Structure formats: C-alpha cells, structure tokens
C-alpha atoms as a PDB file:
ATOM      1  CA  GLN A   1    -244.530  24.883 -60.109  1.00  0.00           C
ATOM      2  CA  VAL A   2    -247.058  22.660 -58.407  1.00  0.00           C
ATOM      3  CA  GLN A   3    -246.925  22.217 -54.664  1.00  0.00           C
ATOM      4  CA  LEU A   4    -248.523  18.943 -53.309  1.00  0.00           C
ATOM      5  CA  VAL A   5    -249.978  18.640 -49.834  1.00  0.00           C
ATOM      6  CA  GLU A   6    -250.837  15.175 -48.425  1.00  0.00           C
ATOM      7  CA  SER A   7    -253.284  14.564 -45.643  1.00  0.00           C
ATOM      8  CA  GLY A   8    -255.255  11.677 -44.177  1.00  0.00           C
ATOM      9  CA  GLY A   9    -252.524   9.724 -42.454  1.00  0.00           C
ATOM     10  CA  GLY A  10    -252.788   8.487 -38.904  1.00  0.00           C
ATOM     11  CA  SER A  11    -252.801   5.474 -36.660  1.00  0.00           C
ATOM     12  CA  VAL A  12    -255.049   2.555 -37.207  1.00  0.00           C
ATOM     13  CA  GLN A  13    -255.348  -1.041 -36.091  1.00  0.00           C
ATOM     14  CA  ALA A  14    -254.746  -3.803 -38.480  1.00  0.00           C
ATOM     15  CA  GLY A  15    -257.712  -4.456 -40.710  1.00  0.00           C
ATOM     16  CA  GLY A  16    -258.776  -0.836 -40.748  1.00  0.00           C
ATOM     17  CA  SER A  17    -258.969   1.727 -43.502  1.00  0.00           C
ATOM     18  CA  LEU A  18    -257.538   5.139 -44.245  1.00  0.00           C
ATOM     19  CA  ARG A  19    -257.914   7.465 -47.237  1.00  0.00           C
ATOM     20  CA  LEU A  20    -254.975   9.636 -48.126  1.00  0.00           C
ATOM     21  CA  SER A  21    -255.477  12.865 -50.079  1.00  0.00           C
ATOM     22  CA  CYS A  22    -253.083  14.825 -52.200  1.00  0.00           C
ATOM     23  CA  ALA A  23    -254.086  18.335 -53.131  1.00  0.00           C
ATOM     24  CA  THR A  24    -252.354  21.122 -54.999  1.00  0.00           C
ATOM     25  CA  SER A  25    -251.602  24.077 -52.716  1.00  0.00           C
ATOM     26  CA  THR A  26    -251.490  26.555 -55.557  1.00  0.00           C
ATOM     27  CA  SER A  27    -253.891  27.281 -58.440  1.00  0.00           C
ATOM     28  CA  GLU A  28    -252.102  24.655 -60.466  1.00  0.00           C
ATOM     29  CA  ASP A  29    -254.673  22.406 -62.051  1.00  0.00           C
ATOM     30  CA  ILE A  30    -254.148  18.700 -61.344  1.00  0.00           C
ATOM     31  CA  LEU A  31    -255.499  18.154 -64.897  1.00  0.00           C
ATOM     32  CA  ASN A  32    -252.053  19.294 -66.128  1.00  0.00           C
ATOM     33  CA  TYR A  33    -250.559  16.103 -64.834  1.00  0.00           C
ATOM     34  CA  TYR A  34    -251.091  12.847 -66.582  1.00  0.00           C
ATOM     35  CA  CYS A  35    -248.804  10.668 -64.472  1.00  0.00           C
ATOM     36  CA  MET A  36    -249.316  10.464 -60.691  1.00  0.00           C
ATOM     37  CA  GLY A  37    -248.584   8.044 -57.888  1.00  0.00           C
ATOM     38  CA  TRP A  38    -248.221   7.208 -54.235  1.00  0.00           C
ATOM     39  CA  PHE A  39    -244.986   6.005 -52.719  1.00  0.00           C
ATOM     40  CA  ARG A  40    -243.971   4.985 -49.283  1.00  0.00           C
ATOM     41  CA  GLN A  41    -240.856   4.683 -47.214  1.00  0.00           C
ATOM     42  CA  ALA A  42    -240.578   2.731 -43.965  1.00  0.00           C
ATOM     43  CA  PRO A  43    -237.639   3.397 -41.542  1.00  0.00           C
ATOM     44  CA  GLY A  44    -234.473   1.727 -42.775  1.00  0.00           C
ATOM     45  CA  LYS A  45    -236.018   0.875 -46.203  1.00  0.00           C
ATOM     46  CA  ASP A  46    -235.874   2.360 -49.625  1.00  0.00           C
ATOM     47  CA  ARG A  47    -238.790   4.348 -50.977  1.00  0.00           C
ATOM     48  CA  GLU A  48    -241.135   2.120 -53.049  1.00  0.00           C
ATOM     49  CA  GLY A  49    -243.934   2.734 -55.401  1.00  0.00           C
ATOM     50  CA  VAL A  50    -247.360   1.729 -54.035  1.00  0.00           C
ATOM     51  CA  ALA A  51    -249.795   2.835 -56.765  1.00  0.00           C
ATOM     52  CA  ARG A  52    -249.586   4.598 -60.085  1.00  0.00           C
ATOM     53  CA  LEU A  53    -252.334   6.255 -62.209  1.00  0.00           C
ATOM     54  CA  TYR A  54    -251.811   7.319 -65.829  1.00  0.00           C
ATOM     55  CA  ILE A  55    -254.418   9.242 -67.708  1.00  0.00           C
ATOM     56  CA  SER A  56    -254.201   9.158 -71.564  1.00  0.00           C
ATOM     57  CA  ARG A  57    -254.866  12.053 -73.815  1.00  0.00           C
ATOM     58  CA  SER A  58    -258.278  10.563 -74.596  1.00  0.00           C
ATOM     59  CA  GLY A  59    -259.117  10.469 -70.923  1.00  0.00           C
ATOM     60  CA  SER A  60    -258.671   6.751 -70.236  1.00  0.00           C
ATOM     61  CA  TYR A  61    -257.522   5.809 -66.777  1.00  0.00           C
ATOM     62  CA  TYR A  62    -254.728   3.176 -66.247  1.00  0.00           C
ATOM     63  CA  ASP A  63    -253.826   2.238 -62.600  1.00  0.00           C
ATOM     64  CA  ASP A  64    -251.254  -0.140 -61.412  1.00  0.00           C
ATOM     65  CA  TYR A  65    -250.257  -1.364 -57.916  1.00  0.00           C
ATOM     66  CA  ALA A  66    -247.412  -3.006 -56.113  1.00  0.00           C
ATOM     67  CA  ASP A  67    -248.111  -6.695 -55.512  1.00  0.00           C
ATOM     68  CA  SER A  68    -248.146  -6.144 -51.720  1.00  0.00           C
ATOM     69  CA  VAL A  69    -251.172  -3.779 -51.930  1.00  0.00           C
ATOM     70  CA  LYS A  70    -253.153  -5.191 -54.840  1.00  0.00           C
ATOM     71  CA  GLY A  71    -256.798  -5.670 -53.995  1.00  0.00           C
ATOM     72  CA  ARG A  72    -256.440  -3.469 -50.877  1.00  0.00           C
ATOM     73  CA  PHE A  73    -255.432  -0.025 -52.148  1.00  0.00           C
ATOM     74  CA  THR A  74    -257.087   2.114 -54.870  1.00  0.00           C
ATOM     75  CA  ILE A  75    -255.674   5.269 -56.451  1.00  0.00           C
ATOM     76  CA  SER A  76    -258.077   7.755 -57.928  1.00  0.00           C
ATOM     77  CA  ARG A  77    -258.362  11.405 -58.957  1.00  0.00           C
ATOM     78  CA  ASP A  78    -261.161  13.938 -58.402  1.00  0.00           C
ATOM     79  CA  ASN A  79    -260.777  16.554 -61.040  1.00  0.00           C
ATOM     80  CA  ALA A  80    -263.266  18.866 -59.490  1.00  0.00           C
ATOM     81  CA  LYS A  81    -261.418  18.942 -56.235  1.00  0.00           C
ATOM     82  CA  ASN A  82    -257.936  18.911 -57.814  1.00  0.00           C
ATOM     83  CA  THR A  83    -257.060  15.979 -55.585  1.00  0.00           C
ATOM     84  CA  VAL A  84    -255.522  12.527 -55.905  1.00  0.00           C
ATOM     85  CA  TYR A  85    -256.560   9.906 -53.400  1.00  0.00           C
ATOM     86  CA  LEU A  86    -255.184   6.620 -52.055  1.00  0.00           C
ATOM     87  CA  GLN A  87    -257.915   4.499 -50.483  1.00  0.00           C
ATOM     88  CA  MET A  88    -256.320   1.899 -48.226  1.00  0.00           C
ATOM     89  CA  ASN A  89    -258.328  -1.005 -46.903  1.00  0.00           C
ATOM     90  CA  SER A  90    -257.391  -4.159 -44.895  1.00  0.00           C
ATOM     91  CA  LEU A  91    -254.321  -2.390 -43.507  1.00  0.00           C
ATOM     92  CA  LYS A  92    -251.497  -4.519 -42.182  1.00  0.00           C
ATOM     93  CA  PRO A  93    -248.604  -3.580 -39.803  1.00  0.00           C
ATOM     94  CA  GLU A  94    -246.199  -3.873 -42.777  1.00  0.00           C
ATOM     95  CA  ASP A  95    -248.054  -0.993 -44.435  1.00  0.00           C
ATOM     96  CA  THR A  96    -246.595   1.346 -41.742  1.00  0.00           C
ATOM     97  CA  ALA A  97    -244.558   4.011 -43.538  1.00  0.00           C
ATOM     98  CA  MET A  98    -244.373   7.687 -44.581  1.00  0.00           C
ATOM     99  CA  TYR A  99    -246.582   7.969 -47.621  1.00  0.00           C
ATOM    100  CA  TYR A 100    -245.746  10.445 -50.426  1.00  0.00           C
ATOM    101  CA  CYS A 101    -247.748  11.709 -53.314  1.00  0.00           C
ATOM    102  CA  ALA A 102    -245.979  12.601 -56.583  1.00  0.00           C
ATOM    103  CA  VAL A 103    -246.994  13.814 -60.033  1.00  0.00           C
ATOM    104  CA  ASP A 104    -245.224  14.288 -63.342  1.00  0.00           C
ATOM    105  CA  ARG A 105    -246.103  16.155 -66.555  1.00  0.00           C
ATOM    106  CA  ASN A 106    -244.900  13.260 -68.715  1.00  0.00           C
ATOM    107  CA  ARG A 107    -247.609  12.210 -71.210  1.00  0.00           C
ATOM    108  CA  ASP A 108    -246.274   8.803 -72.185  1.00  0.00           C
ATOM    109  CA  ARG A 109    -247.671   5.728 -70.374  1.00  0.00           C
ATOM    110  CA  SER A 110    -244.464   3.706 -70.539  1.00  0.00           C
ATOM    111  CA  THR A 111    -242.381   6.577 -69.410  1.00  0.00           C
ATOM    112  CA  CYS A 112    -244.724   7.105 -66.509  1.00  0.00           C
ATOM    113  CA  ALA A 113    -244.174   3.518 -65.556  1.00  0.00           C
ATOM    114  CA  ARG A 114    -240.400   3.810 -65.776  1.00  0.00           C
ATOM    115  CA  LEU A 115    -240.328   7.018 -63.705  1.00  0.00           C
ATOM    116  CA  ALA A 116    -242.452   5.291 -61.018  1.00  0.00           C
ATOM    117  CA  GLY A 117    -240.030   2.377 -60.948  1.00  0.00           C
ATOM    118  CA  GLU A 118    -237.178   4.868 -60.572  1.00  0.00           C
ATOM    119  CA  ASN A 119    -238.974   6.990 -57.909  1.00  0.00           C
ATOM    120  CA  ASN A 120    -238.263   9.780 -60.265  1.00  0.00           C
ATOM    121  CA  PHE A 121    -241.469  11.847 -60.550  1.00  0.00           C
ATOM    122  CA  GLY A 122    -241.038  15.551 -61.038  1.00  0.00           C
ATOM    123  CA  TYR A 123    -243.005  16.865 -58.091  1.00  0.00           C
ATOM    124  CA  TRP A 124    -243.419  15.477 -54.592  1.00  0.00           C
ATOM    125  CA  GLY A 125    -245.340  16.240 -51.433  1.00  0.00           C
ATOM    126  CA  GLN A 126    -243.925  16.345 -47.953  1.00  0.00           C
ATOM    127  CA  GLY A 127    -245.453  13.073 -46.848  1.00  0.00           C
ATOM    128  CA  THR A 128    -248.004  11.805 -44.407  1.00  0.00           C
ATOM    129  CA  GLN A 129    -247.376   9.134 -41.767  1.00  0.00           C
ATOM    130  CA  VAL A 130    -249.386   5.991 -41.635  1.00  0.00           C
ATOM    131  CA  THR A 131    -248.989   3.689 -38.661  1.00  0.00           C
ATOM    132  CA  VAL A 132    -250.787   0.319 -38.465  1.00  0.00           C
ATOM    133  CA  SER A 133    -250.776  -1.555 -35.155  1.00  0.00           C
ATOM    134  CA  SER A 134    -251.398  -5.279 -34.716  1.00  0.00           C
END
C-alpha cells in the first residue's frame, strides 16, 4: 500500500509562489498510479479538488483544474523522483488551506474525474498547510 508524504507548504504573502511535493514513502512506484490529484480544505469548508492529472496507457498527460486556480496552479509528475508536484503562483489569501495529495490506481479517465469530484481517491497523504497573507 502506497504512503504519500506532502511537503513544501508554508506561509507566503499574496502574489507569491509555493511548490508542493508529494512523494511515496515506500518503494511503491508512482508509475503504478494513473490518476492523481491535489485537494484542499479550509477551516469550516468542505474538501475540494484543486488539480487532477490523468496519465493514459499510452503515456499522454491530461490535467484539469478548479476554476479558482486555473492559470495559476500546475500539477505535474516527475517519474524519476517518484513525486507529484503542485506549482502554485500568484497566490491569494483565499488559497489558504490544508493541501492534500491523493492517488488512485484507476486506469479510466472518466472514472478518475468522477473520483476526483467525489474526493474519493484510494490513497491520501497527511496534508501540508498553506497560508497566504494579504
């Protein structure tokens, strides 16, 4: 069973940038997971999907983002480092939240999208806090 460890969170002023990392803490290969995403939860709010990455059997990458972060956040994967990233630019105070990485073994693109919408990925990290001050 994969264990995910997030890092890279912190405090930053509005307009700044952070890069979150999500690495596997075991020998589990990130290449075994075709569906991965970043989610966030602010105090008093429901967890929401921020970014999703699906990798097809042929190796094509498909990313998708919440409207609130489009053009500012980018999800990516480094196979050599067994790590998934979330690059966050032009941060806003409303981006303040606990950010979670999650992956799923599902190999179907539409199912990946559905699972993301349901916050129902199979494996989750413990979260990393991001605080943006105005």
